Protein backbone atom coordinates (compact mmCIF):
# COMPACT_ATOMS: atom_id res chain seq x y z
CA MET A 1 -46.22 -41.75 1.71
CA SER A 2 -48.77 -38.93 1.56
CA LEU A 3 -52.43 -39.84 2.01
CA LEU A 4 -53.03 -37.40 -1.04
CA GLU A 5 -51.57 -40.27 -3.24
CA PRO A 6 -54.67 -41.88 -4.81
CA GLY A 7 -55.70 -45.06 -3.01
CA ARG A 8 -53.04 -44.81 -0.37
CA HIS A 9 -55.69 -44.65 2.36
CA ARG A 10 -56.39 -48.35 1.81
CA VAL A 11 -53.00 -49.47 3.14
CA ALA A 12 -51.13 -46.56 4.63
CA HIS A 13 -51.46 -48.04 8.28
CA LEU A 14 -49.33 -50.97 7.14
CA ALA A 15 -46.22 -49.00 6.49
CA ASP A 16 -46.58 -45.43 7.65
CA ASP A 17 -44.31 -43.77 10.32
CA ALA A 18 -46.52 -45.16 13.08
CA ALA A 19 -46.25 -48.71 11.84
CA LEU A 20 -42.42 -48.45 11.47
CA LEU A 21 -42.13 -47.03 15.02
CA THR A 22 -44.30 -49.80 16.42
CA ALA A 23 -42.19 -52.39 14.57
CA MET A 24 -39.06 -50.99 16.03
CA VAL A 25 -40.48 -51.03 19.53
CA ARG A 26 -41.44 -54.74 18.94
CA VAL A 27 -37.82 -55.47 17.92
CA GLU A 28 -36.28 -53.81 21.10
CA LEU A 29 -38.86 -55.83 23.27
CA ALA A 30 -37.93 -59.01 21.54
CA TRP A 31 -34.29 -58.41 22.18
CA LEU A 32 -35.04 -57.83 25.91
CA ARG A 33 -36.99 -61.22 25.92
CA ALA A 34 -34.00 -62.87 24.30
CA LEU A 35 -31.63 -61.36 26.94
CA SER A 36 -33.97 -62.52 29.66
CA GLY A 37 -33.87 -66.05 28.19
CA ALA A 38 -30.05 -65.84 28.46
CA GLY A 39 -30.35 -64.93 32.29
CA LEU A 40 -29.41 -61.23 31.83
CA LEU A 41 -32.85 -59.98 32.83
CA LYS A 42 -35.69 -61.43 35.09
CA PRO A 43 -38.71 -62.37 33.14
CA GLU A 44 -40.89 -60.24 35.32
CA GLN A 45 -38.81 -57.14 34.56
CA VAL A 46 -39.47 -57.64 30.82
CA ALA A 47 -43.17 -58.33 31.52
CA ALA A 48 -43.35 -55.06 33.54
CA ALA A 49 -41.66 -53.18 30.84
CA GLU A 50 -44.12 -54.44 28.19
CA GLN A 51 -47.00 -53.42 30.51
CA GLN A 52 -45.68 -49.97 31.28
CA LEU A 53 -44.52 -49.11 27.84
CA PRO A 54 -45.92 -45.74 26.68
CA SER A 55 -46.31 -44.70 22.97
CA PRO A 56 -42.85 -43.24 22.33
CA VAL A 57 -42.67 -39.69 20.80
CA ILE A 58 -39.71 -39.04 18.59
CA ASP A 59 -38.45 -35.54 17.76
CA PRO A 60 -37.73 -35.28 14.04
CA ALA A 61 -34.76 -33.09 14.70
CA ALA A 62 -33.35 -35.84 16.84
CA VAL A 63 -33.79 -38.26 13.94
CA GLU A 64 -31.77 -35.95 11.72
CA SER A 65 -29.12 -35.54 14.32
CA SER A 66 -28.74 -39.26 14.74
CA GLY A 67 -29.03 -39.99 11.05
CA ASN A 68 -31.71 -42.61 11.69
CA PRO A 69 -34.77 -43.04 14.00
CA VAL A 70 -33.36 -45.68 16.16
CA LYS A 71 -31.19 -43.77 18.76
CA PRO A 72 -33.99 -41.24 19.46
CA LEU A 73 -36.36 -44.26 20.00
CA VAL A 74 -33.89 -45.96 22.35
CA ASP A 75 -33.32 -42.80 24.37
CA ALA A 76 -37.13 -42.53 24.79
CA LEU A 77 -37.57 -46.19 25.78
CA ARG A 78 -34.68 -45.86 28.25
CA ALA A 79 -36.23 -42.81 29.80
CA ALA A 80 -39.64 -44.58 30.08
CA LEU A 81 -38.36 -47.98 31.25
CA PRO A 82 -35.59 -47.30 33.90
CA GLU A 83 -35.62 -50.90 35.24
CA VAL A 84 -34.43 -52.40 32.03
CA SER A 85 -32.60 -49.38 30.55
CA ALA A 86 -29.15 -50.86 31.14
CA GLN A 87 -29.81 -53.89 28.94
CA LEU A 88 -32.17 -52.18 26.45
CA HIS A 89 -30.64 -52.27 22.96
CA ARG A 90 -27.42 -53.51 24.49
CA GLY A 91 -25.44 -55.71 21.95
CA LEU A 92 -27.54 -54.38 18.89
CA THR A 93 -26.78 -51.53 16.53
CA SER A 94 -29.27 -49.16 14.87
CA GLN A 95 -29.21 -51.11 11.60
CA ASP A 96 -30.14 -54.27 13.39
CA VAL A 97 -33.29 -52.61 14.74
CA LEU A 98 -34.35 -50.81 11.60
CA ASP A 99 -33.64 -53.66 9.18
CA THR A 100 -35.63 -56.11 11.40
CA ALA A 101 -38.41 -53.62 11.85
CA LEU A 102 -38.66 -53.28 8.04
CA MET A 103 -38.88 -57.08 7.85
CA LEU A 104 -41.73 -57.08 10.35
CA MET A 105 -43.52 -54.39 8.35
CA ALA A 106 -42.86 -56.14 5.09
CA ARG A 107 -44.51 -59.33 6.51
CA ASN A 108 -47.64 -57.43 7.26
CA VAL A 109 -47.69 -55.85 3.91
CA LEU A 110 -47.04 -59.18 2.13
CA ASP A 111 -49.97 -60.83 4.05
CA HIS A 112 -52.24 -58.08 2.88
CA VAL A 113 -51.01 -58.36 -0.69
CA THR A 114 -51.54 -62.16 -0.62
CA GLY A 115 -55.13 -61.61 0.43
CA SER A 116 -55.73 -59.24 -2.40
CA LEU A 117 -54.09 -61.50 -4.90
CA THR A 118 -56.13 -64.44 -3.76
CA ALA A 119 -59.30 -62.48 -4.07
CA ALA A 120 -58.43 -61.22 -7.56
CA ALA A 121 -57.40 -64.83 -8.57
CA ALA A 122 -60.82 -66.17 -7.42
CA ASP A 123 -62.69 -63.63 -9.79
CA LEU A 124 -60.27 -64.12 -12.61
CA ALA A 125 -60.90 -67.94 -12.37
CA ARG A 126 -64.58 -67.16 -12.70
CA LEU A 127 -64.13 -64.94 -15.65
CA ALA A 128 -61.79 -67.47 -17.28
CA ASP A 129 -64.33 -70.31 -16.97
CA ASP A 130 -67.52 -68.16 -17.76
CA HIS A 131 -65.92 -66.77 -20.92
CA ARG A 132 -63.98 -69.70 -22.35
CA GLY A 133 -66.33 -69.53 -25.23
CA SER A 134 -66.47 -65.78 -25.70
CA VAL A 135 -64.51 -65.29 -28.94
CA MET A 136 -62.67 -62.04 -29.48
CA PRO A 137 -59.97 -60.71 -31.85
CA GLY A 138 -56.46 -61.57 -30.78
CA ARG A 139 -54.22 -58.55 -31.20
CA THR A 140 -50.42 -58.56 -31.52
CA LEU A 141 -48.41 -55.33 -32.00
CA THR A 142 -51.64 -53.52 -31.94
CA ARG A 143 -53.07 -55.34 -34.99
CA TYR A 144 -55.35 -58.24 -35.44
CA ALA A 145 -53.70 -61.65 -35.15
CA VAL A 146 -55.84 -64.80 -34.71
CA PRO A 147 -58.96 -65.42 -32.72
CA VAL A 148 -58.69 -65.83 -29.05
CA THR A 149 -61.24 -66.08 -26.25
CA PHE A 150 -61.73 -63.66 -23.29
CA GLY A 151 -61.59 -66.80 -21.11
CA LEU A 152 -58.05 -67.37 -22.21
CA THR A 153 -57.20 -63.55 -21.60
CA ALA A 154 -58.42 -63.89 -18.16
CA ALA A 155 -56.61 -67.15 -17.65
CA GLN A 156 -53.34 -65.46 -18.60
CA TRP A 157 -54.02 -62.68 -16.21
CA LEU A 158 -54.74 -65.37 -13.53
CA ALA A 159 -51.43 -67.12 -14.28
CA GLY A 160 -49.56 -63.88 -13.72
CA ILE A 161 -51.36 -63.35 -10.38
CA LEU A 162 -50.52 -66.92 -9.34
CA ASP A 163 -46.86 -66.49 -10.28
CA ALA A 164 -46.77 -63.24 -8.20
CA ARG A 165 -48.54 -64.87 -5.34
CA ASP A 166 -45.84 -67.67 -5.40
CA ALA A 167 -43.06 -65.14 -5.33
CA VAL A 168 -44.57 -63.25 -2.45
CA ALA A 169 -45.06 -66.52 -0.45
CA THR A 170 -41.36 -67.48 -1.11
CA VAL A 171 -40.12 -64.12 0.14
CA ARG A 172 -42.38 -64.03 3.12
CA SER A 173 -41.35 -67.37 4.30
CA ALA A 174 -37.71 -66.27 4.39
CA LEU A 175 -37.82 -62.84 5.97
CA PRO A 176 -34.78 -62.56 8.28
CA ILE A 177 -33.88 -60.67 11.36
CA GLN A 178 -30.84 -58.53 11.40
CA CYS A 179 -28.44 -59.10 14.27
CA GLY A 180 -24.83 -58.26 14.15
CA GLY A 181 -23.95 -55.52 16.45
CA ALA A 182 -21.61 -52.69 15.55
CA ALA A 183 -19.73 -54.25 12.65
CA GLY A 184 -21.49 -57.55 12.05
CA THR A 185 -19.49 -59.59 14.65
CA LEU A 186 -21.86 -59.72 17.57
CA SER A 187 -18.91 -58.43 19.66
CA LEU A 188 -20.77 -56.98 22.54
CA ALA A 189 -23.31 -59.83 22.56
CA GLY A 190 -20.30 -62.13 22.87
CA GLU A 191 -19.34 -60.34 26.07
CA LEU A 192 -22.74 -60.71 27.41
CA VAL A 193 -23.38 -64.46 26.73
CA ALA A 194 -21.26 -67.41 26.02
CA ASP A 195 -23.04 -68.18 22.77
CA PRO A 196 -24.05 -64.99 20.92
CA VAL A 197 -25.37 -66.96 17.92
CA ALA A 198 -27.77 -68.78 20.20
CA LEU A 199 -28.90 -65.44 21.39
CA ALA A 200 -29.54 -64.22 17.89
CA GLU A 201 -31.52 -67.31 17.10
CA ASP A 202 -33.70 -66.79 20.07
CA PHE A 203 -34.20 -63.15 19.05
CA ALA A 204 -35.38 -64.43 15.73
CA ARG A 205 -37.84 -66.87 17.42
CA GLN A 206 -39.29 -64.04 19.47
CA LEU A 207 -40.25 -62.27 16.21
CA ASP A 208 -41.19 -65.38 14.31
CA LEU A 209 -38.66 -64.38 11.68
CA ARG A 210 -35.73 -66.33 10.28
CA TRP A 211 -32.14 -66.24 11.60
CA PRO A 212 -30.06 -66.21 8.33
CA GLY A 213 -26.92 -67.61 9.80
CA LEU A 214 -24.98 -64.38 9.80
CA PRO A 215 -25.62 -60.65 9.53
CA TRP A 216 -26.37 -59.06 6.24
CA HIS A 217 -25.60 -55.45 6.94
CA THR A 218 -23.79 -55.08 3.57
CA ARG A 219 -25.20 -58.07 1.89
CA ARG A 220 -28.64 -56.81 0.85
CA THR A 221 -30.13 -59.76 -0.69
CA PRO A 222 -33.19 -59.86 1.68
CA VAL A 223 -34.04 -56.40 0.51
CA THR A 224 -33.57 -56.88 -3.11
CA ARG A 225 -35.40 -60.27 -3.11
CA LEU A 226 -38.33 -58.43 -1.39
CA GLY A 227 -38.19 -55.66 -3.97
CA ASP A 228 -38.08 -58.15 -6.88
CA ALA A 229 -41.24 -60.00 -5.59
CA LEU A 230 -43.05 -56.71 -5.15
CA THR A 231 -42.11 -55.51 -8.59
CA GLN A 232 -43.01 -58.79 -10.19
CA THR A 233 -46.42 -58.45 -8.49
CA VAL A 234 -47.02 -54.95 -9.73
CA ASP A 235 -45.88 -56.08 -13.20
CA ALA A 236 -48.71 -58.76 -13.31
CA LEU A 237 -51.28 -56.23 -12.05
CA GLY A 238 -50.10 -53.61 -14.61
CA VAL A 239 -50.74 -56.12 -17.48
CA ILE A 240 -54.32 -56.55 -16.37
CA ALA A 241 -54.94 -52.91 -15.98
CA ALA A 242 -53.32 -51.97 -19.36
CA ASP A 243 -55.40 -54.65 -21.14
CA ILE A 244 -58.65 -53.45 -19.52
CA LEU A 245 -57.87 -49.83 -20.38
CA MET A 246 -57.25 -50.80 -23.99
CA LEU A 247 -60.24 -53.15 -24.33
CA GLY A 248 -62.45 -50.49 -22.48
CA ARG A 249 -61.79 -47.59 -24.96
CA PRO A 250 -65.14 -46.42 -26.36
CA GLU A 251 -64.17 -47.51 -29.85
CA ILE A 252 -63.52 -51.13 -28.61
CA ALA A 253 -65.78 -51.28 -25.54
CA GLU A 254 -65.34 -55.09 -25.00
CA VAL A 255 -65.00 -54.65 -21.29
CA ARG A 256 -65.83 -51.91 -18.73
CA GLU A 257 -64.65 -50.99 -15.29
CA ARG A 258 -67.77 -51.03 -13.06
CA ALA A 259 -69.19 -47.56 -12.44
CA VAL A 260 -69.19 -46.61 -8.78
CA GLU A 261 -71.17 -43.71 -7.32
CA GLY A 262 -68.80 -40.78 -6.88
CA ARG A 263 -65.78 -42.38 -8.65
CA GLY A 264 -64.31 -41.44 -12.02
CA GLY A 265 -65.89 -38.08 -12.57
CA SER A 266 -64.14 -35.26 -14.31
CA SER A 267 -63.69 -31.79 -12.77
CA THR A 268 -64.43 -30.27 -16.26
CA MET A 269 -66.45 -32.78 -18.44
CA PRO A 270 -69.68 -33.96 -16.78
CA HIS A 271 -70.14 -36.85 -19.27
CA LYS A 272 -66.99 -38.68 -18.30
CA GLN A 273 -66.71 -41.85 -16.25
CA ASN A 274 -62.97 -42.42 -16.06
CA PRO A 275 -61.64 -46.00 -15.34
CA VAL A 276 -59.98 -44.79 -12.26
CA LEU A 277 -58.89 -48.13 -10.80
CA ALA A 278 -57.23 -49.25 -13.98
CA VAL A 279 -55.50 -45.91 -14.44
CA LEU A 280 -54.08 -46.03 -10.93
CA ILE A 281 -52.90 -49.70 -11.16
CA ARG A 282 -51.17 -48.76 -14.44
CA SER A 283 -49.49 -45.79 -12.71
CA ALA A 284 -48.27 -48.19 -10.05
CA ALA A 285 -46.79 -50.43 -12.73
CA LEU A 286 -44.92 -47.57 -14.16
CA GLN A 287 -43.31 -46.60 -10.72
CA ALA A 288 -42.53 -50.03 -9.24
CA PRO A 289 -39.66 -51.01 -11.45
CA GLY A 290 -37.73 -47.86 -10.68
CA LEU A 291 -38.19 -48.36 -6.92
CA GLY A 292 -36.97 -52.04 -7.29
CA ALA A 293 -34.02 -50.74 -9.31
CA GLN A 294 -33.19 -48.25 -6.52
CA LEU A 295 -32.93 -51.07 -4.07
CA HIS A 296 -30.37 -52.92 -6.27
CA LEU A 297 -28.50 -49.66 -6.70
CA CYS A 298 -28.30 -49.29 -2.96
CA ALA A 299 -27.24 -52.95 -2.52
CA ALA A 300 -24.36 -52.41 -5.01
CA GLN A 301 -23.08 -49.53 -2.88
CA ALA A 302 -23.27 -51.24 0.44
CA VAL A 303 -19.60 -50.88 1.34
CA ASP A 304 -17.35 -51.63 4.40
CA GLN A 305 -19.11 -53.34 7.35
CA ARG A 306 -21.90 -50.77 7.50
CA PRO A 307 -22.74 -48.46 4.43
CA ASP A 308 -22.41 -44.69 4.33
CA GLY A 309 -25.64 -43.66 2.80
CA ALA A 310 -26.63 -46.71 0.67
CA TRP A 311 -28.41 -48.17 3.59
CA HIS A 312 -30.17 -44.94 4.30
CA ALA A 313 -31.44 -44.61 0.79
CA GLU A 314 -33.19 -47.93 0.91
CA TRP A 315 -35.76 -46.95 3.53
CA ALA A 316 -37.96 -44.61 1.59
CA SER A 317 -37.83 -46.69 -1.63
CA CYS A 318 -38.57 -50.06 0.23
CA ARG A 319 -41.57 -48.45 2.05
CA GLN A 320 -42.90 -46.77 -1.02
CA LEU A 321 -42.75 -50.02 -2.91
CA LEU A 322 -44.46 -51.90 -0.17
CA LEU A 323 -47.21 -49.40 -0.05
CA LEU A 324 -47.46 -49.24 -3.83
CA THR A 325 -47.87 -52.90 -4.25
CA ALA A 326 -50.40 -53.26 -1.44
CA THR A 327 -52.48 -50.34 -2.91
CA ALA A 328 -52.39 -51.64 -6.51
CA ALA A 329 -53.27 -55.26 -5.31
CA SER A 330 -56.22 -54.05 -3.41
CA GLN A 331 -57.37 -51.93 -6.36
CA THR A 332 -56.88 -54.88 -8.76
CA ALA A 333 -59.06 -57.14 -6.47
CA GLU A 334 -61.79 -54.58 -6.65
CA LEU A 335 -61.33 -53.92 -10.41
CA VAL A 336 -61.63 -57.61 -11.55
CA ALA A 337 -64.53 -58.35 -9.10
CA GLY A 338 -66.63 -55.73 -10.80
CA LEU A 339 -65.32 -56.09 -14.39
CA GLU A 340 -68.13 -55.92 -16.95
CA VAL A 341 -67.62 -58.11 -20.01
CA ASP A 342 -69.47 -57.59 -23.34
CA PRO A 343 -69.23 -60.90 -25.17
CA ASP A 344 -71.62 -59.78 -27.86
CA THR A 345 -69.35 -56.87 -28.84
CA MET A 346 -66.30 -59.24 -28.74
CA THR A 347 -68.14 -61.62 -31.18
CA ARG A 348 -69.24 -58.76 -33.48
CA HIS A 349 -65.66 -57.56 -33.68
CA ALA A 350 -64.27 -61.06 -34.32
CA GLU A 351 -66.76 -61.76 -36.99
CA SER A 352 -66.32 -58.42 -38.79
CA ALA A 353 -62.52 -58.96 -38.73
CA ALA A 354 -62.75 -62.66 -39.76
CA THR A 355 -60.68 -62.14 -42.99
CA HIS A 356 -57.83 -60.82 -40.84
CA LEU A 357 -58.19 -63.17 -38.00
CA LEU A 358 -58.22 -66.32 -40.20
CA ALA A 359 -55.50 -65.15 -42.67
CA GLU A 360 -53.01 -67.67 -41.07
CA ARG A 361 -55.33 -70.60 -42.03
CA GLY A 362 -55.88 -69.23 -45.57
CA GLU A 363 -59.70 -69.50 -45.59
CA VAL A 364 -62.50 -68.09 -43.48
CA GLY A 365 -64.86 -71.17 -43.44
CA GLY A 366 -66.23 -71.97 -40.03
CA GLY A 367 -65.65 -68.50 -38.63
CA PRO A 368 -63.45 -67.26 -35.79
CA ALA A 369 -64.80 -69.81 -33.25
CA SER A 370 -63.49 -72.61 -35.34
CA TYR A 371 -59.98 -71.60 -35.05
CA LEU A 372 -58.99 -71.39 -31.41
CA GLY A 373 -56.34 -74.11 -31.22
CA ALA A 374 -55.71 -75.33 -27.64
CA SER A 375 -57.28 -72.25 -26.01
CA ASP A 376 -59.75 -74.31 -24.00
CA ALA A 377 -56.96 -76.65 -22.70
CA PHE A 378 -54.87 -73.73 -21.76
CA VAL A 379 -57.76 -72.29 -19.67
CA ASP A 380 -58.18 -75.62 -18.04
CA ALA A 381 -54.46 -75.85 -17.12
CA VAL A 382 -54.55 -72.49 -15.38
CA LEU A 383 -57.81 -73.38 -13.54
CA VAL A 384 -56.38 -76.63 -12.34
CA ARG A 385 -53.38 -74.68 -11.00
CA TRP A 386 -55.66 -72.23 -9.30
CA ARG A 387 -57.91 -74.98 -7.61
CA GLY A 388 -54.77 -76.88 -6.45
CA SER A 389 -53.32 -73.69 -4.79
CA ARG A 390 -56.70 -72.80 -3.29
CA ASP A 391 -57.11 -76.26 -1.76
CA ALA A 392 -53.56 -76.65 -0.52
């Protein structure tokens, strides 16, 4: 999660160590409020604790000694809040706190990603509409196929973005708390209150997350679903970047990434203006599937009632995937907003390759623009979907 990773400065605050620590503190305070609602604490005690709470400092050596950051945090909170220390964290286990904190952090990241995807979608819709008549060579398996339009190309990119945004929205609406206690039975909570499930439900309400009906300590579907939605998103972004990189090669030059002062220079060759955003988005698309697969690998090894290492291996992969997706989505929004399209070059390429592009029809009469099939209808279909989602 180094800020030396290109573009990470855009989103690091959403999922860095400070964000995770803040989320864990929110979880502990929400549990106190739930205990207060059950009569185990006075509301004024919880309010005072929230007012007096300092920024906890955690010793990295203590994190290693505990195997996770929750116990050192709880120790720091108990020392800082003596009036509620007896009830603080009581009934929870470390995995409850860290899993729930990751869901809170994921929600913030998904909101950021949604904003970037919506911005990118708006610009892609404009490109699709503006260039529905910009004829260009269609290319399959790196060779000329039949004519297409750049408007249809942009509409296909837009459809991928809308699919990703739908996947993100579905996952975001179902983000759950984790609440099971030592082995997923709410055993100590059951000693504290008559109805521990009702306590867990109130805990979820305090955080505006979902109570999933039972703990998921070793049933990691919430994490893998999150990873799948993030990976699907980066897949869609990667297609856009890869197409722009190919179409932007000097020998093709049908599109260009907008030049920005100070961006894309070479340390060696002064003439170069590298398409940095597209390169970085493509880099993200090459990394995301491996991170998503890592989450599935961990899920498949989540044994017993609490896992011995599989859970621990999720944290870095999940956070990295969150940050990678948010970074790439932000970069994509900027990339498509400034994309420069050269329809004249597209037309020239299509006309010079007309014999190849029209080979399926068997004759070149009418030129490439006369052989576009349902391209315009397909553009309209995607734009209708975009407008409906925008107005909903």
